[in-house]
Structure formats: structure tokens, C-alpha cells
C-alpha atoms as a PDB file:
ATOM      1  CA  LEU A   1      -4.203  31.251  15.657  1.00  0.00           C
ATOM      2  CA  ILE A   2      -4.189  27.500  16.307  1.00  0.00           C
ATOM      3  CA  GLN A   3      -5.860  26.057  19.370  1.00  0.00           C
ATOM      4  CA  PRO A   4      -3.582  24.028  21.699  1.00  0.00           C
ATOM      5  CA  SER A   5      -6.010  21.084  21.520  1.00  0.00           C
ATOM      6  CA  VAL A   6      -5.730  21.015  17.693  1.00  0.00           C
ATOM      7  CA  LEU A   7      -1.948  21.034  17.960  1.00  0.00           C
ATOM      8  CA  ALA A   8      -2.047  18.222  20.521  1.00  0.00           C
ATOM      9  CA  TRP A   9      -4.337  16.089  18.311  1.00  0.00           C
ATOM     10  CA  SER A  10      -2.183  16.794  15.255  1.00  0.00           C
ATOM     11  CA  PHE A  11       0.971  15.832  17.128  1.00  0.00           C
ATOM     12  CA  GLY A  12      -0.656  12.656  18.473  1.00  0.00           C
ATOM     13  CA  LEU A  13      -1.934  11.631  15.032  1.00  0.00           C
ATOM     14  CA  SER A  14       1.442  12.346  13.475  1.00  0.00           C
ATOM     15  CA  LEU A  15       3.221  10.266  16.106  1.00  0.00           C
ATOM     16  CA  ILE A  16       0.811   7.329  15.720  1.00  0.00           C
ATOM     17  CA  LEU A  17       1.091   7.384  11.909  1.00  0.00           C
ATOM     18  CA  PHE A  18       4.876   7.592  12.053  1.00  0.00           C
ATOM     19  CA  ILE A  19       5.311   4.712  14.506  1.00  0.00           C
ATOM     20  CA  GLY A  20       2.615   2.652  12.780  1.00  0.00           C
ATOM     21  CA  SER A  21       4.246   3.114   9.393  1.00  0.00           C
ATOM     22  CA  LEU A  22       7.620   2.027  10.758  1.00  0.00           C
ATOM     23  CA  ILE A  23       6.076  -1.214  12.019  1.00  0.00           C
ATOM     24  CA  ILE A  24       3.341  -2.135   9.500  1.00  0.00           C
ATOM     25  CA  ILE A  25       4.799  -1.054   6.143  1.00  0.00           C
ATOM     26  CA  PRO A  26       7.916  -3.283   6.239  1.00  0.00           C
ATOM     27  CA  ILE A  27       5.773  -6.270   7.240  1.00  0.00           C
ATOM     28  CA  LEU A  28       3.357  -5.728   4.356  1.00  0.00           C
ATOM     29  CA  LEU A  29       6.140  -5.096   1.835  1.00  0.00           C
ATOM     30  CA  THR A  30       7.977  -8.285   2.756  1.00  0.00           C
ATOM     31  CA  ARG A  31       4.795 -10.360   2.521  1.00  0.00           C
ATOM     32  CA  MET A  32       4.067  -9.089  -1.013  1.00  0.00           C
ATOM     33  CA  ARG A  33       4.952 -11.620  -3.715  1.00  0.00           C
ATOM     34  CA  SER A  34       7.899 -10.559  -5.865  1.00  0.00           C
ATOM     35  CA  ASP A  35       5.810 -11.061  -9.037  1.00  0.00           C
ATOM     36  CA  TYR A  36       2.870  -8.990  -7.717  1.00  0.00           C
ATOM     37  CA  PHE A  37       3.269  -6.423 -10.508  1.00  0.00           C
ATOM     38  CA  ILE A  38       3.938  -9.015 -13.223  1.00  0.00           C
ATOM     39  CA  ASP A  39       0.903 -11.238 -12.585  1.00  0.00           C
ATOM     40  CA  SER A  40      -2.208  -9.357 -13.746  1.00  0.00           C
ATOM     41  CA  ASP A  41      -4.530 -11.642 -11.739  1.00  0.00           C
ATOM     42  CA  ASN A  42      -2.798 -11.505  -8.366  1.00  0.00           C
ATOM     43  CA  THR A  43      -5.778 -11.832  -6.080  1.00  0.00           C
ATOM     44  CA  THR A  44      -8.336 -14.540  -5.612  1.00  0.00           C
ATOM     45  CA  ILE A  45     -10.577 -12.610  -3.244  1.00  0.00           C
ATOM     46  CA  GLY A  46     -13.827 -11.834  -4.994  1.00  0.00           C
ATOM     47  CA  LYS A  47     -12.935 -13.853  -8.126  1.00  0.00           C
ATOM     48  CA  SER A  48     -14.972 -16.917  -7.180  1.00  0.00           C
ATOM     49  CA  LYS A  49     -18.353 -17.528  -8.779  1.00  0.00           C
ATOM     50  CA  HIS A  50     -19.764 -18.443  -5.372  1.00  0.00           C
ATOM     51  CA  PHE A  51     -20.328 -15.638  -2.897  1.00  0.00           C
ATOM     52  CA  SER A  52     -20.030 -16.365   0.800  1.00  0.00           C
ATOM     53  CA  ILE A  53     -20.449 -14.179   3.833  1.00  0.00           C
ATOM     54  CA  THR A  54     -16.875 -14.862   4.896  1.00  0.00           C
ATOM     55  CA  ARG A  55     -15.498 -13.888   1.475  1.00  0.00           C
ATOM     56  CA  GLY A  56     -17.585 -10.698   1.550  1.00  0.00           C
ATOM     57  CA  LEU A  57     -16.398  -9.775   5.054  1.00  0.00           C
ATOM     58  CA  VAL A  58     -12.753 -10.367   4.069  1.00  0.00           C
ATOM     59  CA  LEU A  59     -13.219  -8.171   0.996  1.00  0.00           C
ATOM     60  CA  VAL A  60     -14.809  -5.373   3.060  1.00  0.00           C
ATOM     61  CA  ALA A  61     -12.085  -5.612   5.743  1.00  0.00           C
ATOM     62  CA  LYS A  62      -9.318  -5.579   3.111  1.00  0.00           C
ATOM     63  CA  ASN A  63     -10.779  -2.487   1.460  1.00  0.00           C
ATOM     64  CA  MET A  64     -11.244  -0.725   4.808  1.00  0.00           C
ATOM     65  CA  ILE A  65      -7.610  -1.371   5.767  1.00  0.00           C
ATOM     66  CA  GLY A  66      -6.551  -0.201   2.308  1.00  0.00           C
ATOM     67  CA  MET A  67      -8.535   3.025   2.687  1.00  0.00           C
ATOM     68  CA  ILE A  68      -7.049   3.679   6.137  1.00  0.00           C
ATOM     69  CA  LEU A  69      -3.531   3.164   4.769  1.00  0.00           C
ATOM     70  CA  LEU A  70      -4.256   5.332   1.725  1.00  0.00           C
ATOM     71  CA  LEU A  71      -5.543   8.198   3.879  1.00  0.00           C
ATOM     72  CA  SER A  72      -2.645   7.739   6.313  1.00  0.00           C
ATOM     73  CA  GLY A  73      -0.181   7.858   3.409  1.00  0.00           C
ATOM     74  CA  LEU A  74      -1.758  11.046   2.110  1.00  0.00           C
ATOM     75  CA  ALA A  75      -1.423  12.556   5.596  1.00  0.00           C
ATOM     76  CA  MET A  76       2.212  11.406   5.745  1.00  0.00           C
ATOM     77  CA  ILE A  77       2.999  13.470   2.670  1.00  0.00           C
ATOM     78  CA  VAL A  78       3.009  16.473   5.043  1.00  0.00           C
ATOM     79  CA  LEU A  79       3.503  14.612   8.351  1.00  0.00           C
ATOM     80  CA  PRO A  80       6.496  12.431   9.262  1.00  0.00           C
ATOM     81  CA  GLY A  81       6.331   8.938   7.803  1.00  0.00           C
ATOM     82  CA  GLN A  82       6.710   6.886   4.655  1.00  0.00           C
ATOM     83  CA  GLY A  83       3.924   8.591   2.689  1.00  0.00           C
ATOM     84  CA  VAL A  84       4.401   7.297  -0.854  1.00  0.00           C
ATOM     85  CA  ILE A  85       5.115   3.727   0.233  1.00  0.00           C
ATOM     86  CA  THR A  86       2.073   3.766   2.550  1.00  0.00           C
ATOM     87  CA  ILE A  87      -0.073   5.026  -0.334  1.00  0.00           C
ATOM     88  CA  LEU A  88       1.249   2.183  -2.514  1.00  0.00           C
ATOM     89  CA  ILE A  89       0.372  -0.447   0.118  1.00  0.00           C
ATOM     90  CA  GLY A  90      -3.088   1.082   0.617  1.00  0.00           C
ATOM     91  CA  LEU A  91      -3.740   1.044  -3.121  1.00  0.00           C
ATOM     92  CA  SER A  92      -2.645  -2.590  -3.374  1.00  0.00           C
ATOM     93  CA  LEU A  93      -5.348  -3.546  -0.848  1.00  0.00           C
ATOM     94  CA  LEU A  94      -8.157  -1.560  -2.513  1.00  0.00           C
ATOM     95  CA  ASN A  95     -10.319  -2.781  -5.382  1.00  0.00           C
ATOM     96  CA  PHE A  96     -11.170  -0.175  -8.044  1.00  0.00           C
ATOM     97  CA  PRO A  97     -10.901   0.194 -11.836  1.00  0.00           C
ATOM     98  CA  GLY A  98      -7.468   1.357 -13.030  1.00  0.00           C
ATOM     99  CA  LYS A  99      -5.730   0.187  -9.861  1.00  0.00           C
ATOM    100  CA  ARG A 100      -2.912  -1.651 -11.663  1.00  0.00           C
ATOM    101  CA  ARG A 101      -1.941   1.336 -13.807  1.00  0.00           C
ATOM    102  CA  LEU A 102      -1.839   3.624 -10.769  1.00  0.00           C
ATOM    103  CA  GLU A 103       0.200   1.138  -8.708  1.00  0.00           C
ATOM    104  CA  LEU A 104       2.678   0.682 -11.554  1.00  0.00           C
ATOM    105  CA  ARG A 105       3.000   4.417 -12.029  1.00  0.00           C
ATOM    106  CA  ILE A 106       3.933   4.815  -8.372  1.00  0.00           C
ATOM    107  CA  VAL A 107       6.241   1.803  -8.050  1.00  0.00           C
ATOM    108  CA  ARG A 108       8.125   2.658 -11.270  1.00  0.00           C
ATOM    109  CA  GLN A 109       9.434   5.818  -9.624  1.00  0.00           C
ATOM    110  CA  ARG A 110      13.092   5.008  -8.998  1.00  0.00           C
ATOM    111  CA  HIS A 111      13.149   6.200  -5.358  1.00  0.00           C
ATOM    112  CA  VAL A 112      10.010   4.225  -4.489  1.00  0.00           C
ATOM    113  CA  LEU A 113      11.239   0.984  -6.096  1.00  0.00           C
ATOM    114  CA  ASP A 114      14.686   1.387  -4.517  1.00  0.00           C
ATOM    115  CA  SER A 115      13.128   1.930  -1.060  1.00  0.00           C
ATOM    116  CA  VAL A 116      10.766  -1.040  -1.401  1.00  0.00           C
ATOM    117  CA  ASN A 117      13.537  -3.348  -2.609  1.00  0.00           C
ATOM    118  CA  TRP A 118      15.881  -2.167   0.175  1.00  0.00           C
ATOM    119  CA  ILE A 119      13.253  -3.117   2.783  1.00  0.00           C
ATOM    120  CA  ARG A 120      12.691  -6.486   1.072  1.00  0.00           C
ATOM    121  CA  GLN A 121      16.444  -7.152   0.853  1.00  0.00           C
ATOM    122  CA  ARG A 122      16.919  -6.511   4.576  1.00  0.00           C
ATOM    123  CA  ALA A 123      14.180  -9.097   5.264  1.00  0.00           C
ATOM    124  CA  GLY A 124      15.861 -11.635   2.966  1.00  0.00           C
ATOM    125  CA  ARG A 125      13.137 -11.415   0.303  1.00  0.00           C
ATOM    126  CA  PRO A 126      13.717 -11.103  -3.473  1.00  0.00           C
ATOM    127  CA  ALA A 127      13.312  -7.723  -5.181  1.00  0.00           C
ATOM    128  CA  LEU A 128       9.970  -6.796  -6.732  1.00  0.00           C
ATOM    129  CA  LEU A 129       9.704  -7.526 -10.435  1.00  0.00           C
ATOM    130  CA  VAL A 130       8.231  -4.591 -12.328  1.00  0.00           C
ATOM    131  CA  PRO A 131       7.318  -4.802 -16.037  1.00  0.00           C
ATOM    132  CA  ASP A 132       8.754  -2.322 -18.535  1.00  0.00           C
ATOM    133  CA  THR A 133       6.786   0.849 -19.197  1.00  0.00           C
ATOM    134  CA  ASP A 134       5.677  -0.455 -22.602  1.00  0.00           C
ATOM    135  CA  THR A 135       4.280  -3.667 -21.035  1.00  0.00           C
ATOM    136  CA  GLU A 136       1.047  -2.738 -19.269  1.00  0.00           C
ATOM    137  CA  PRO A 137      -0.960  -5.468 -17.513  1.00  0.00           C
ATOM    138  CA  GLN A 138      -4.688  -5.721 -18.118  1.00  0.00           C
ATOM    139  CA  SER A 139      -6.674  -4.351 -15.184  1.00  0.00           C
END
């Protein structure tokens, strides 16, 4: 039913995503500011009145990396890896309307927040501060 080449590609992709998530996700989570979810204006990229080529290239690169991580996280839902946490990191890099509400909805899940804070604790970083459910930041 399934071609051997498809199985080989699926295995290779799964292995790359798994190893990549074990390396990249902890680095990104420990670099995130602990008040990321409290501060509603947590990024300065694209907020300046003056547009520059460099700022535009950084914004495009950030969104491309975010999309790759988002798609990888979605794949890791069924493949080995840290799917939900990878989706959260990918979303934090993307720019789109409603992003803050979606990020908060994901990070407020007890198992996600516990996992993120465990990784941060092992790196000697403070736990993420997450606002109460009745305190929604403006997006």
C-alpha cells in the first residue's frame, strides 16, 4: 500500500523534526522574556515609522522561521516531537491578527505551561508570567 520511498522520506522527516525540536525549542524558550505574555507590545520589529530594507528582511525571515516551526509542530502532533510547544514558538514568531489570544489559549493549558516552565527552570531562567483568563491583552 505504501511505497518504500514514501516511508523512507517520512522516517527521515520525522527524525529531523524530532532532533531539531530537541535542540531548537529549549533554546527559543529560554530566550523568551518571562513577561512576554504580560506585555502587549512585546516586539519592536515593524513598529517603527521608518521602513528600511534590513527591517523588512528581518520581518520576512522571522515570519518564514515561524511558519516552518508552525508546520513542523503540526506535523509533530502525529510524528515524534514536542508538537504543541513547537506550534507555540512558531506562533510567537508570526505576525497576524488575533495572535495574542491564540498564544494565550495555548500557553494557559496546564501541561504546556508546566513543560515550558520546566525547560526554563533547567536553564536557570524565571518562569513565564501568564495573565489570568479574565485579563486579555490588546492585540
